């Protein structure tokens, strides 16, 4: 292919790579560094594969950053988003693992904050459990997040205090994913 004869810094953290005196590509600086492109480096097949691999990784990282900018996501959901964006499996896996190692993607933190938010909106344990499992959070982390919440009967009693004890409140609690025994206990005087 040729030899790298020049590396010129461009705006936006990019580098113009020159090969045999001609402009070849503008690459993110991270790609240049990780692919070990220096003046005099021969661009043989292994080096070109390294450049391609690093470009995929940078694109995957940018896509992940875009997805996480909006809201926190568990690892499985992030991987699904990257897959929909056409990020190859190896790059997806590498980026998700790197973000987990850095603490940016943390399924336990996600499970706890999501469970708290759903409980704050009046969801019962079954609804919270279903939502977290659907998001790809492991059973252990789901149960740990539920264990950190105020007990379901106390949350139900607070709803009953606002809505009143009635069959309508019992139906509301059931729709919101509260356990049958919690619904009966919270609205027991009316149902009994």
N, C-alpha and C. Protein backbone atom coordinates (compact mmCIF):
# COMPACT_ATOMS: atom_id res chain seq x y z
N UNK A 1 0.82 -1.19 0.00
CA UNK A 1 0.00 0.00 0.00
C UNK A 1 0.87 1.25 0.00
N UNK A 2 1.82 1.35 0.90
CA UNK A 2 2.67 2.52 0.98
C UNK A 2 3.13 2.77 2.40
N UNK A 3 3.80 3.93 2.57
CA UNK A 3 4.30 4.33 3.89
C UNK A 3 3.70 5.66 4.29
N UNK A 4 3.49 5.80 5.61
CA UNK A 4 3.03 7.07 6.14
C UNK A 4 4.18 8.06 6.04
N UNK A 5 3.91 9.18 5.35
CA UNK A 5 4.97 10.18 5.19
C UNK A 5 4.66 11.47 5.94
N UNK A 6 3.44 11.58 6.44
CA UNK A 6 3.11 12.79 7.19
C UNK A 6 1.85 12.61 8.01
N UNK A 7 1.82 13.28 9.14
CA UNK A 7 0.65 13.32 10.02
C UNK A 7 0.42 14.78 10.37
N UNK A 8 -0.69 15.33 9.94
CA UNK A 8 -0.98 16.75 10.19
C UNK A 8 -2.24 16.87 11.04
N UNK A 9 -2.13 17.61 12.12
CA UNK A 9 -3.26 17.82 13.01
C UNK A 9 -4.32 18.67 12.31
N UNK A 10 -5.56 18.25 12.42
CA UNK A 10 -6.70 18.98 11.88
C UNK A 10 -7.59 19.38 13.05
N UNK A 11 -8.57 20.23 12.77
CA UNK A 11 -9.49 20.64 13.83
C UNK A 11 -10.39 19.46 14.23
N UNK A 12 -10.96 19.55 15.41
CA UNK A 12 -11.87 18.52 15.88
C UNK A 12 -11.22 17.23 16.31
N UNK A 13 -9.94 17.28 16.66
CA UNK A 13 -9.27 16.07 17.16
C UNK A 13 -8.98 15.05 16.07
N UNK A 14 -8.80 15.52 14.86
CA UNK A 14 -8.51 14.62 13.74
C UNK A 14 -7.09 14.82 13.23
N UNK A 15 -6.63 13.86 12.45
CA UNK A 15 -5.28 13.89 11.90
C UNK A 15 -5.36 13.53 10.42
N UNK A 16 -4.74 14.35 9.58
CA UNK A 16 -4.62 14.03 8.16
C UNK A 16 -3.41 13.11 8.01
N UNK A 17 -3.64 11.92 7.48
CA UNK A 17 -2.57 10.95 7.27
C UNK A 17 -2.16 11.03 5.81
N UNK A 18 -0.87 11.24 5.60
CA UNK A 18 -0.35 11.27 4.24
C UNK A 18 0.44 10.00 3.98
N UNK A 19 0.22 9.43 2.81
CA UNK A 19 0.90 8.19 2.43
C UNK A 19 1.66 8.47 1.13
N UNK A 20 2.94 8.20 1.16
CA UNK A 20 3.82 8.42 0.00
C UNK A 20 3.66 9.84 -0.56
N UNK A 21 3.53 10.81 0.36
CA UNK A 21 3.46 12.21 -0.02
C UNK A 21 2.07 12.71 -0.41
N UNK A 22 1.10 11.84 -0.50
CA UNK A 22 -0.27 12.24 -0.87
C UNK A 22 -1.19 12.13 0.33
N UNK A 23 -2.21 13.00 0.37
CA UNK A 23 -3.22 12.91 1.43
C UNK A 23 -3.96 11.58 1.27
N UNK A 24 -4.09 10.85 2.38
CA UNK A 24 -4.73 9.55 2.33
C UNK A 24 -6.09 9.59 3.01
N UNK A 25 -6.11 9.85 4.33
CA UNK A 25 -7.35 9.87 5.09
C UNK A 25 -7.23 10.86 6.24
N UNK A 26 -8.40 11.39 6.64
CA UNK A 26 -8.47 12.15 7.89
C UNK A 26 -9.10 11.19 8.90
N UNK A 27 -8.36 10.93 9.96
CA UNK A 27 -8.79 9.96 10.98
C UNK A 27 -8.86 10.64 12.34
N UNK A 28 -9.73 10.14 13.21
CA UNK A 28 -9.70 10.62 14.59
C UNK A 28 -8.32 10.34 15.20
N UNK A 29 -7.83 11.25 16.01
CA UNK A 29 -6.50 11.09 16.61
C UNK A 29 -6.40 9.78 17.39
N UNK A 30 -7.49 9.38 18.03
CA UNK A 30 -7.49 8.13 18.79
C UNK A 30 -7.20 6.94 17.88
N UNK A 31 -7.73 6.95 16.67
CA UNK A 31 -7.47 5.86 15.72
C UNK A 31 -6.00 5.83 15.34
N UNK A 32 -5.45 7.00 15.08
CA UNK A 32 -4.03 7.10 14.70
C UNK A 32 -3.15 6.54 15.81
N UNK A 33 -3.46 6.91 17.04
CA UNK A 33 -2.65 6.47 18.18
C UNK A 33 -2.80 4.96 18.40
N UNK A 34 -4.04 4.49 18.45
CA UNK A 34 -4.27 3.08 18.76
C UNK A 34 -3.82 2.14 17.64
N UNK A 35 -3.85 2.62 16.39
CA UNK A 35 -3.37 1.80 15.27
C UNK A 35 -1.86 1.96 15.08
N UNK A 36 -1.25 2.79 15.92
CA UNK A 36 0.20 3.03 15.92
C UNK A 36 0.71 3.52 14.55
N UNK A 37 0.01 4.53 14.04
CA UNK A 37 0.46 5.14 12.79
C UNK A 37 1.46 6.24 13.12
N UNK A 38 2.65 6.10 12.63
CA UNK A 38 3.69 7.11 12.79
C UNK A 38 4.34 7.32 11.43
N UNK A 39 5.06 8.42 11.30
CA UNK A 39 5.79 8.66 10.05
C UNK A 39 6.77 7.50 9.87
N UNK A 40 6.72 6.91 8.69
CA UNK A 40 7.58 5.78 8.38
C UNK A 40 6.89 4.43 8.52
N UNK A 41 5.69 4.40 9.13
CA UNK A 41 4.96 3.14 9.29
C UNK A 41 4.50 2.64 7.92
N UNK A 42 4.75 1.37 7.66
CA UNK A 42 4.27 0.76 6.41
C UNK A 42 2.81 0.37 6.59
N UNK A 43 1.99 0.73 5.61
CA UNK A 43 0.57 0.38 5.66
C UNK A 43 0.36 -0.96 4.96
N UNK A 44 0.73 -2.02 5.67
CA UNK A 44 0.51 -3.36 5.16
C UNK A 44 -0.89 -3.83 5.59
N UNK A 45 -1.26 -5.02 5.19
CA UNK A 45 -2.60 -5.52 5.51
C UNK A 45 -2.92 -5.53 7.01
N UNK A 46 -2.03 -6.05 7.86
CA UNK A 46 -2.34 -6.04 9.29
C UNK A 46 -2.55 -4.61 9.84
N UNK A 47 -1.76 -3.66 9.36
CA UNK A 47 -1.91 -2.28 9.83
C UNK A 47 -3.23 -1.69 9.34
N UNK A 48 -3.59 -1.96 8.10
CA UNK A 48 -4.87 -1.47 7.56
C UNK A 48 -6.05 -2.09 8.30
N UNK A 49 -5.92 -3.37 8.67
CA UNK A 49 -6.98 -4.00 9.47
C UNK A 49 -7.08 -3.35 10.84
N UNK A 50 -5.94 -3.00 11.42
CA UNK A 50 -5.94 -2.32 12.72
C UNK A 50 -6.62 -0.95 12.61
N UNK A 51 -6.34 -0.23 11.53
CA UNK A 51 -6.99 1.08 11.32
C UNK A 51 -8.50 0.89 11.19
N UNK A 52 -8.91 -0.08 10.40
CA UNK A 52 -10.35 -0.34 10.22
C UNK A 52 -11.02 -0.72 11.54
N UNK A 53 -10.35 -1.58 12.31
CA UNK A 53 -10.89 -2.00 13.61
C UNK A 53 -11.03 -0.81 14.55
N UNK A 54 -10.03 0.05 14.58
CA UNK A 54 -10.08 1.23 15.46
C UNK A 54 -11.14 2.22 15.00
N UNK A 55 -11.32 2.36 13.70
CA UNK A 55 -12.39 3.24 13.20
C UNK A 55 -13.76 2.72 13.63
N UNK A 56 -13.96 1.40 13.56
CA UNK A 56 -15.24 0.81 14.02
C UNK A 56 -15.43 1.05 15.51
N UNK A 57 -14.35 0.92 16.27
CA UNK A 57 -14.44 1.13 17.72
C UNK A 57 -14.82 2.57 18.03
N UNK A 58 -14.20 3.53 17.34
CA UNK A 58 -14.49 4.94 17.56
C UNK A 58 -15.95 5.25 17.20
N UNK A 59 -16.42 4.69 16.08
CA UNK A 59 -17.82 4.90 15.69
C UNK A 59 -18.77 4.30 16.73
N UNK A 60 -18.42 3.12 17.23
CA UNK A 60 -19.25 2.47 18.24
C UNK A 60 -19.28 3.28 19.53
N UNK A 61 -18.14 3.81 19.91
CA UNK A 61 -18.06 4.63 21.12
C UNK A 61 -18.88 5.92 20.96
N UNK A 62 -18.83 6.51 19.78
CA UNK A 62 -19.62 7.72 19.52
C UNK A 62 -21.11 7.40 19.58
N UNK A 63 -21.51 6.28 19.00
CA UNK A 63 -22.92 5.88 19.03
C UNK A 63 -23.37 5.60 20.46
N UNK A 64 -22.52 4.95 21.25
CA UNK A 64 -22.85 4.68 22.65
C UNK A 64 -22.98 5.97 23.43
N UNK A 65 -22.06 6.89 23.20
CA UNK A 65 -22.12 8.19 23.88
C UNK A 65 -23.40 8.93 23.54
N UNK A 66 -23.81 8.85 22.30
CA UNK A 66 -25.05 9.49 21.87
C UNK A 66 -26.25 8.88 22.58
N UNK A 67 -26.28 7.56 22.68
CA UNK A 67 -27.39 6.87 23.35
C UNK A 67 -27.41 7.17 24.84
N UNK A 68 -26.23 7.22 25.46
CA UNK A 68 -26.15 7.45 26.91
C UNK A 68 -26.33 8.91 27.29
N UNK A 69 -26.19 9.79 26.32
CA UNK A 69 -26.38 11.22 26.59
C UNK A 69 -27.83 11.50 26.97
N UNK A 70 -28.75 10.72 26.41
CA UNK A 70 -30.17 10.91 26.64
C UNK A 70 -30.59 10.36 28.00
N UNK A 71 -30.13 9.12 28.29
CA UNK A 71 -30.47 8.49 29.57
C UNK A 71 -29.56 7.31 29.85
N UNK A 72 -29.52 6.92 31.10
CA UNK A 72 -28.72 5.77 31.52
C UNK A 72 -29.34 4.51 30.93
N UNK A 73 -28.52 3.57 30.54
CA UNK A 73 -29.00 2.31 29.96
C UNK A 73 -28.23 1.14 30.56
N UNK A 74 -28.90 -0.01 30.70
CA UNK A 74 -28.14 -1.21 31.10
C UNK A 74 -27.36 -1.73 29.90
N UNK A 75 -26.40 -2.58 30.15
CA UNK A 75 -25.50 -3.08 29.11
C UNK A 75 -26.26 -3.73 27.96
N UNK A 76 -27.22 -4.57 28.25
CA UNK A 76 -27.92 -5.28 27.18
C UNK A 76 -28.68 -4.31 26.28
N UNK A 77 -29.33 -3.33 26.87
CA UNK A 77 -30.10 -2.35 26.08
C UNK A 77 -29.15 -1.51 25.23
N UNK A 78 -28.00 -1.14 25.78
CA UNK A 78 -27.02 -0.37 25.01
C UNK A 78 -26.51 -1.20 23.84
N UNK A 79 -26.23 -2.46 24.09
CA UNK A 79 -25.75 -3.33 23.01
C UNK A 79 -26.81 -3.44 21.91
N UNK A 80 -28.09 -3.53 22.28
CA UNK A 80 -29.16 -3.59 21.29
C UNK A 80 -29.23 -2.30 20.46
N UNK A 81 -29.05 -1.17 21.13
CA UNK A 81 -29.06 0.11 20.40
C UNK A 81 -27.91 0.17 19.40
N UNK A 82 -26.74 -0.27 19.82
CA UNK A 82 -25.59 -0.26 18.92
C UNK A 82 -25.81 -1.22 17.75
N UNK A 83 -26.42 -2.35 18.03
CA UNK A 83 -26.71 -3.30 16.95
C UNK A 83 -27.66 -2.68 15.92
N UNK A 84 -28.69 -1.98 16.39
CA UNK A 84 -29.63 -1.32 15.47
C UNK A 84 -28.94 -0.26 14.63
N UNK A 85 -27.87 0.32 15.17
CA UNK A 85 -27.12 1.33 14.42
C UNK A 85 -26.08 0.70 13.48
N UNK A 86 -26.05 -0.62 13.43
CA UNK A 86 -25.16 -1.30 12.50
C UNK A 86 -23.74 -1.48 12.99
N UNK A 87 -23.52 -1.34 14.28
CA UNK A 87 -22.17 -1.52 14.84
C UNK A 87 -21.87 -3.01 14.89
N UNK A 88 -20.75 -3.44 14.33
CA UNK A 88 -20.40 -4.88 14.34
C UNK A 88 -20.28 -5.42 15.77
N UNK A 89 -20.54 -6.72 15.90
CA UNK A 89 -20.58 -7.37 17.22
C UNK A 89 -19.30 -7.15 18.03
N UNK A 90 -18.14 -7.33 17.41
CA UNK A 90 -16.88 -7.19 18.15
C UNK A 90 -16.72 -5.78 18.70
N UNK A 91 -17.04 -4.78 17.90
CA UNK A 91 -16.92 -3.39 18.35
C UNK A 91 -17.95 -3.10 19.45
N UNK A 92 -19.17 -3.63 19.30
CA UNK A 92 -20.20 -3.45 20.34
C UNK A 92 -19.72 -3.99 21.66
N UNK A 93 -19.24 -5.22 21.63
CA UNK A 93 -18.79 -5.88 22.86
C UNK A 93 -17.64 -5.11 23.49
N UNK A 94 -16.68 -4.72 22.69
CA UNK A 94 -15.51 -3.99 23.21
C UNK A 94 -15.93 -2.68 23.88
N UNK A 95 -16.81 -1.95 23.23
CA UNK A 95 -17.23 -0.65 23.75
C UNK A 95 -18.06 -0.82 25.02
N UNK A 96 -18.98 -1.77 25.03
CA UNK A 96 -19.81 -1.97 26.23
C UNK A 96 -18.94 -2.39 27.41
N UNK A 97 -17.99 -3.29 27.18
CA UNK A 97 -17.09 -3.72 28.26
C UNK A 97 -16.25 -2.54 28.76
N UNK A 98 -15.73 -1.73 27.83
CA UNK A 98 -14.93 -0.57 28.22
C UNK A 98 -15.75 0.42 29.04
N UNK A 99 -17.00 0.64 28.64
CA UNK A 99 -17.86 1.56 29.38
C UNK A 99 -18.24 0.99 30.75
N UNK A 100 -18.38 -0.33 30.83
CA UNK A 100 -18.64 -0.95 32.14
C UNK A 100 -17.41 -0.83 33.04
N UNK A 101 -16.24 -1.07 32.48
CA UNK A 101 -15.00 -0.95 33.26
C UNK A 101 -14.81 0.47 33.78
N UNK A 102 -15.23 1.45 32.99
CA UNK A 102 -15.09 2.85 33.39
C UNK A 102 -16.21 3.29 34.35
N UNK A 103 -17.21 2.42 34.55
CA UNK A 103 -18.32 2.77 35.45
C UNK A 103 -19.39 3.62 34.79
N UNK A 104 -19.29 3.83 33.49
CA UNK A 104 -20.29 4.63 32.79
C UNK A 104 -21.56 3.82 32.57
N UNK A 105 -21.40 2.55 32.27
CA UNK A 105 -22.52 1.62 32.17
C UNK A 105 -22.46 0.73 33.40
N UNK A 106 -23.51 0.78 34.21
CA UNK A 106 -23.53 0.04 35.46
C UNK A 106 -24.95 -0.48 35.67
N UNK A 107 -25.15 -1.77 35.45
CA UNK A 107 -26.48 -2.34 35.54
C UNK A 107 -27.07 -2.23 36.95
N UNK A 108 -26.24 -2.33 37.96
CA UNK A 108 -26.75 -2.23 39.33
C UNK A 108 -27.26 -0.81 39.60
N UNK A 109 -26.48 0.18 39.22
CA UNK A 109 -26.92 1.57 39.40
C UNK A 109 -28.20 1.83 38.61
N UNK A 110 -28.23 1.33 37.38
CA UNK A 110 -29.42 1.51 36.54
C UNK A 110 -30.64 0.88 37.21
N UNK A 111 -30.49 -0.37 37.68
CA UNK A 111 -31.61 -1.08 38.29
C UNK A 111 -32.14 -0.33 39.51
N UNK A 112 -31.25 0.16 40.34
CA UNK A 112 -31.67 0.88 41.55
C UNK A 112 -32.39 2.18 41.21
N UNK A 113 -31.82 2.95 40.28
CA UNK A 113 -32.45 4.24 39.96
C UNK A 113 -33.76 4.03 39.21
N UNK A 114 -33.82 3.04 38.32
CA UNK A 114 -35.06 2.78 37.58
C UNK A 114 -36.14 2.27 38.53
N UNK A 115 -35.78 1.37 39.44
CA UNK A 115 -36.75 0.85 40.41
C UNK A 115 -37.30 1.98 41.28
N UNK A 116 -36.43 2.86 41.72
CA UNK A 116 -36.86 3.99 42.54
C UNK A 116 -37.80 4.91 41.77
N UNK A 117 -37.47 5.16 40.51
CA UNK A 117 -38.32 6.02 39.68
C UNK A 117 -39.69 5.39 39.46
N UNK A 118 -39.71 4.10 39.17
CA UNK A 118 -40.99 3.43 38.94
C UNK A 118 -41.82 3.36 40.22
N UNK A 119 -41.17 3.09 41.34
CA UNK A 119 -41.88 3.07 42.62
C UNK A 119 -42.45 4.45 42.93
N UNK A 120 -41.70 5.49 42.58
CA UNK A 120 -42.17 6.86 42.78
C UNK A 120 -43.38 7.19 41.95
N UNK A 121 -43.56 6.47 40.84
CA UNK A 121 -44.73 6.67 39.99
C UNK A 121 -45.86 5.70 40.35
N UNK A 122 -45.71 5.03 41.49
CA UNK A 122 -46.78 4.17 41.98
C UNK A 122 -46.76 2.74 41.48
N UNK A 123 -45.65 2.27 40.96
CA UNK A 123 -45.56 0.89 40.47
C UNK A 123 -45.31 -0.07 41.62
N UNK A 124 -45.90 -1.24 41.50
CA UNK A 124 -45.68 -2.30 42.46
C UNK A 124 -44.45 -3.12 42.07
N UNK A 125 -44.09 -4.03 42.96
CA UNK A 125 -42.88 -4.83 42.73
C UNK A 125 -42.95 -5.65 41.45
N UNK A 126 -44.11 -6.23 41.13
CA UNK A 126 -44.22 -7.07 39.93
C UNK A 126 -43.99 -6.22 38.67
N UNK A 127 -44.53 -5.04 38.64
CA UNK A 127 -44.35 -4.15 37.47
C UNK A 127 -42.89 -3.72 37.36
N UNK A 128 -42.27 -3.42 38.47
CA UNK A 128 -40.86 -3.01 38.47
C UNK A 128 -39.98 -4.17 38.02
N UNK A 129 -40.26 -5.34 38.56
CA UNK A 129 -39.51 -6.55 38.20
C UNK A 129 -39.63 -6.80 36.69
N UNK A 130 -40.83 -6.72 36.17
CA UNK A 130 -41.05 -6.94 34.73
C UNK A 130 -40.28 -5.93 33.90
N UNK A 131 -40.35 -4.66 34.26
CA UNK A 131 -39.68 -3.61 33.50
C UNK A 131 -38.16 -3.83 33.49
N UNK A 132 -37.60 -4.10 34.63
CA UNK A 132 -36.15 -4.27 34.71
C UNK A 132 -35.68 -5.52 33.95
N UNK A 133 -36.43 -6.59 34.04
CA UNK A 133 -36.06 -7.81 33.31
C UNK A 133 -36.16 -7.57 31.80
N UNK A 134 -37.17 -6.82 31.39
CA UNK A 134 -37.35 -6.49 29.97
C UNK A 134 -36.19 -5.64 29.46
N UNK A 135 -35.60 -4.84 30.35
CA UNK A 135 -34.45 -4.01 29.99
C UNK A 135 -33.14 -4.81 29.96
N UNK A 136 -33.19 -6.06 30.40
CA UNK A 136 -32.00 -6.90 30.35
C UNK A 136 -31.21 -6.95 31.64
N UNK A 137 -31.80 -6.51 32.72
CA UNK A 137 -31.11 -6.54 34.02
C UNK A 137 -31.25 -7.94 34.61
N UNK A 138 -30.17 -8.45 35.18
CA UNK A 138 -30.18 -9.82 35.73
C UNK A 138 -31.14 -9.92 36.92
N UNK A 139 -31.59 -11.15 37.17
CA UNK A 139 -32.53 -11.40 38.29
C UNK A 139 -31.94 -10.93 39.63
N UNK A 140 -30.65 -11.21 39.83
CA UNK A 140 -30.02 -10.84 41.10
C UNK A 140 -30.06 -9.32 41.31
N UNK A 141 -29.73 -8.59 40.26
CA UNK A 141 -29.72 -7.13 40.38
C UNK A 141 -31.14 -6.58 40.53
N UNK A 142 -32.10 -7.21 39.88
CA UNK A 142 -33.50 -6.79 40.03
C UNK A 142 -33.94 -6.97 41.47
N UNK A 143 -33.66 -8.13 42.03
CA UNK A 143 -34.07 -8.40 43.41
C UNK A 143 -33.34 -7.48 44.39
N UNK A 144 -32.07 -7.20 44.10
CA UNK A 144 -31.32 -6.27 44.95
C UNK A 144 -31.92 -4.87 44.92
N UNK A 145 -32.33 -4.43 43.74
CA UNK A 145 -32.94 -3.10 43.60
C UNK A 145 -34.27 -3.05 44.32
N UNK A 146 -35.06 -4.11 44.20
CA UNK A 146 -36.35 -4.15 44.91
C UNK A 146 -36.14 -4.17 46.42
N UNK A 147 -35.08 -4.84 46.86
CA UNK A 147 -34.79 -4.90 48.29
C UNK A 147 -34.42 -3.54 48.88
N UNK A 148 -33.97 -2.62 48.06
CA UNK A 148 -33.60 -1.28 48.54
C UNK A 148 -34.79 -0.34 48.61
N UNK A 149 -35.90 -0.74 48.03
CA UNK A 149 -37.08 0.12 48.03
C UNK A 149 -37.83 0.01 49.35
N UNK A 150 -38.65 0.99 49.61
CA UNK A 150 -39.59 0.91 50.72
C UNK A 150 -40.46 -0.31 50.45
N UNK A 151 -40.83 -1.08 51.48
CA UNK A 151 -41.65 -2.29 51.25
C UNK A 151 -42.94 -1.96 50.49
N UNK A 152 -43.32 -2.88 49.63
CA UNK A 152 -44.50 -2.69 48.78
C UNK A 152 -45.77 -2.37 49.58
N UNK A 153 -46.05 -3.05 50.70
CA UNK A 153 -47.27 -2.72 51.44
C UNK A 153 -47.30 -1.25 51.92
N UNK A 154 -46.15 -0.72 52.28
CA UNK A 154 -46.10 0.68 52.73
C UNK A 154 -46.36 1.62 51.57
N UNK A 155 -45.83 1.30 50.40
CA UNK A 155 -46.09 2.13 49.21
C UNK A 155 -47.58 2.07 48.86
N UNK A 156 -48.15 0.89 48.97
CA UNK A 156 -49.58 0.73 48.68
C UNK A 156 -50.44 1.52 49.67
N UNK A 157 -50.07 1.49 50.93
CA UNK A 157 -50.83 2.23 51.95
C UNK A 157 -50.82 3.73 51.67
N UNK A 158 -49.70 4.22 51.18
CA UNK A 158 -49.61 5.65 50.85
C UNK A 158 -50.57 6.00 49.70
N UNK A 159 -50.67 5.10 48.74
CA UNK A 159 -51.60 5.32 47.62
C UNK A 159 -53.04 5.27 48.13
N UNK A 160 -53.33 4.31 49.00
CA UNK A 160 -54.67 4.20 49.58
C UNK A 160 -55.01 5.45 50.38
N UNK A 161 -54.04 6.01 51.08
CA UNK A 161 -54.29 7.22 51.87
C UNK A 161 -54.69 8.38 50.97
N UNK A 162 -54.16 8.43 49.77
CA UNK A 162 -54.49 9.52 48.84
C UNK A 162 -55.80 9.23 48.10
N UNK A 163 -55.98 8.01 47.63
CA UNK A 163 -57.13 7.65 46.79
C UNK A 163 -58.34 7.18 47.58
N UNK A 164 -58.10 6.76 48.81
CA UNK A 164 -59.20 6.22 49.61
C UNK A 164 -59.33 4.71 49.40
N UNK A 165 -59.94 4.06 50.40
CA UNK A 165 -60.14 2.61 50.31
C UNK A 165 -61.42 2.36 49.50
N UNK A 166 -61.23 1.73 48.36
CA UNK A 166 -62.38 1.44 47.50
C UNK A 166 -62.00 0.33 46.53
N UNK A 167 -62.99 -0.27 45.91
CA UNK A 167 -62.69 -1.26 44.87
C UNK A 167 -61.89 -0.63 43.72
N UNK A 168 -62.14 0.63 43.42
CA UNK A 168 -61.40 1.30 42.35
C UNK A 168 -59.92 1.41 42.71
N UNK A 169 -59.63 1.69 43.98
CA UNK A 169 -58.23 1.77 44.42
C UNK A 169 -57.58 0.38 44.36
N UNK A 170 -58.34 -0.63 44.74
CA UNK A 170 -57.81 -2.00 44.67
C UNK A 170 -57.49 -2.36 43.22
N UNK A 171 -58.38 -2.02 42.30
CA UNK A 171 -58.12 -2.29 40.88
C UNK A 171 -56.91 -1.49 40.39
N UNK A 172 -56.79 -0.25 40.84
CA UNK A 172 -55.65 0.59 40.46
C UNK A 172 -54.34 -0.06 40.91
N UNK A 173 -54.31 -0.51 42.17
CA UNK A 173 -53.10 -1.16 42.69
C UNK A 173 -52.78 -2.43 41.91
N UNK A 174 -53.79 -3.19 41.57
CA UNK A 174 -53.56 -4.42 40.81
C UNK A 174 -52.99 -4.09 39.43
N UNK A 175 -53.54 -3.06 38.78
CA UNK A 175 -53.03 -2.65 37.46
C UNK A 175 -51.59 -2.15 37.53
N UNK A 176 -51.21 -1.57 38.65
CA UNK A 176 -49.87 -1.01 38.82
C UNK A 176 -48.84 -2.07 39.25
N UNK A 177 -49.27 -3.32 39.31
CA UNK A 177 -48.32 -4.40 39.57
C UNK A 177 -48.08 -4.73 41.03
N UNK A 178 -49.03 -4.37 41.90
CA UNK A 178 -48.88 -4.73 43.31
C UNK A 178 -49.36 -6.17 43.49
N UNK A 179 -48.74 -6.87 44.42
CA UNK A 179 -49.09 -8.26 44.70
C UNK A 179 -50.52 -8.35 45.22
N UNK A 180 -51.15 -9.47 44.93
CA UNK A 180 -52.55 -9.67 45.33
C UNK A 180 -52.73 -9.47 46.83
N UNK A 181 -51.83 -10.03 47.62
CA UNK A 181 -51.97 -9.89 49.08
C UNK A 181 -51.80 -8.44 49.53
N UNK A 182 -50.96 -7.69 48.81
CA UNK A 182 -50.78 -6.27 49.13
C UNK A 182 -52.04 -5.49 48.78
N UNK A 183 -52.64 -5.82 47.65
CA UNK A 183 -53.88 -5.16 47.24
C UNK A 183 -54.98 -5.46 48.27
N UNK A 184 -55.08 -6.72 48.65
CA UNK A 184 -56.12 -7.10 49.63
C UNK A 184 -55.88 -6.44 50.97
N UNK A 185 -54.64 -6.39 51.39
CA UNK A 185 -54.32 -5.77 52.69
C UNK A 185 -54.55 -4.27 52.65
N UNK A 186 -54.20 -3.62 51.58
CA UNK A 186 -54.32 -2.17 51.48
C UNK A 186 -55.77 -1.73 51.34
N UNK A 187 -56.59 -2.54 50.69
CA UNK A 187 -57.99 -2.18 50.47
C UNK A 187 -58.92 -3.16 51.17
N UNK A 188 -58.37 -3.89 52.14
CA UNK A 188 -59.08 -4.98 52.81
C UNK A 188 -60.40 -4.64 53.41
N UNK A 189 -60.58 -3.46 54.00
CA UNK A 189 -61.83 -3.12 54.67
C UNK A 189 -62.99 -3.08 53.67
N UNK A 190 -62.69 -2.66 52.44
CA UNK A 190 -63.74 -2.57 51.44
C UNK A 190 -64.01 -3.93 50.83
N UNK A 191 -62.93 -4.69 50.54
CA UNK A 191 -63.07 -5.97 49.88
C UNK A 191 -63.58 -7.05 50.84
N UNK A 192 -63.30 -6.91 52.12
CA UNK A 192 -63.63 -7.92 53.09
C UNK A 192 -65.00 -7.84 53.51
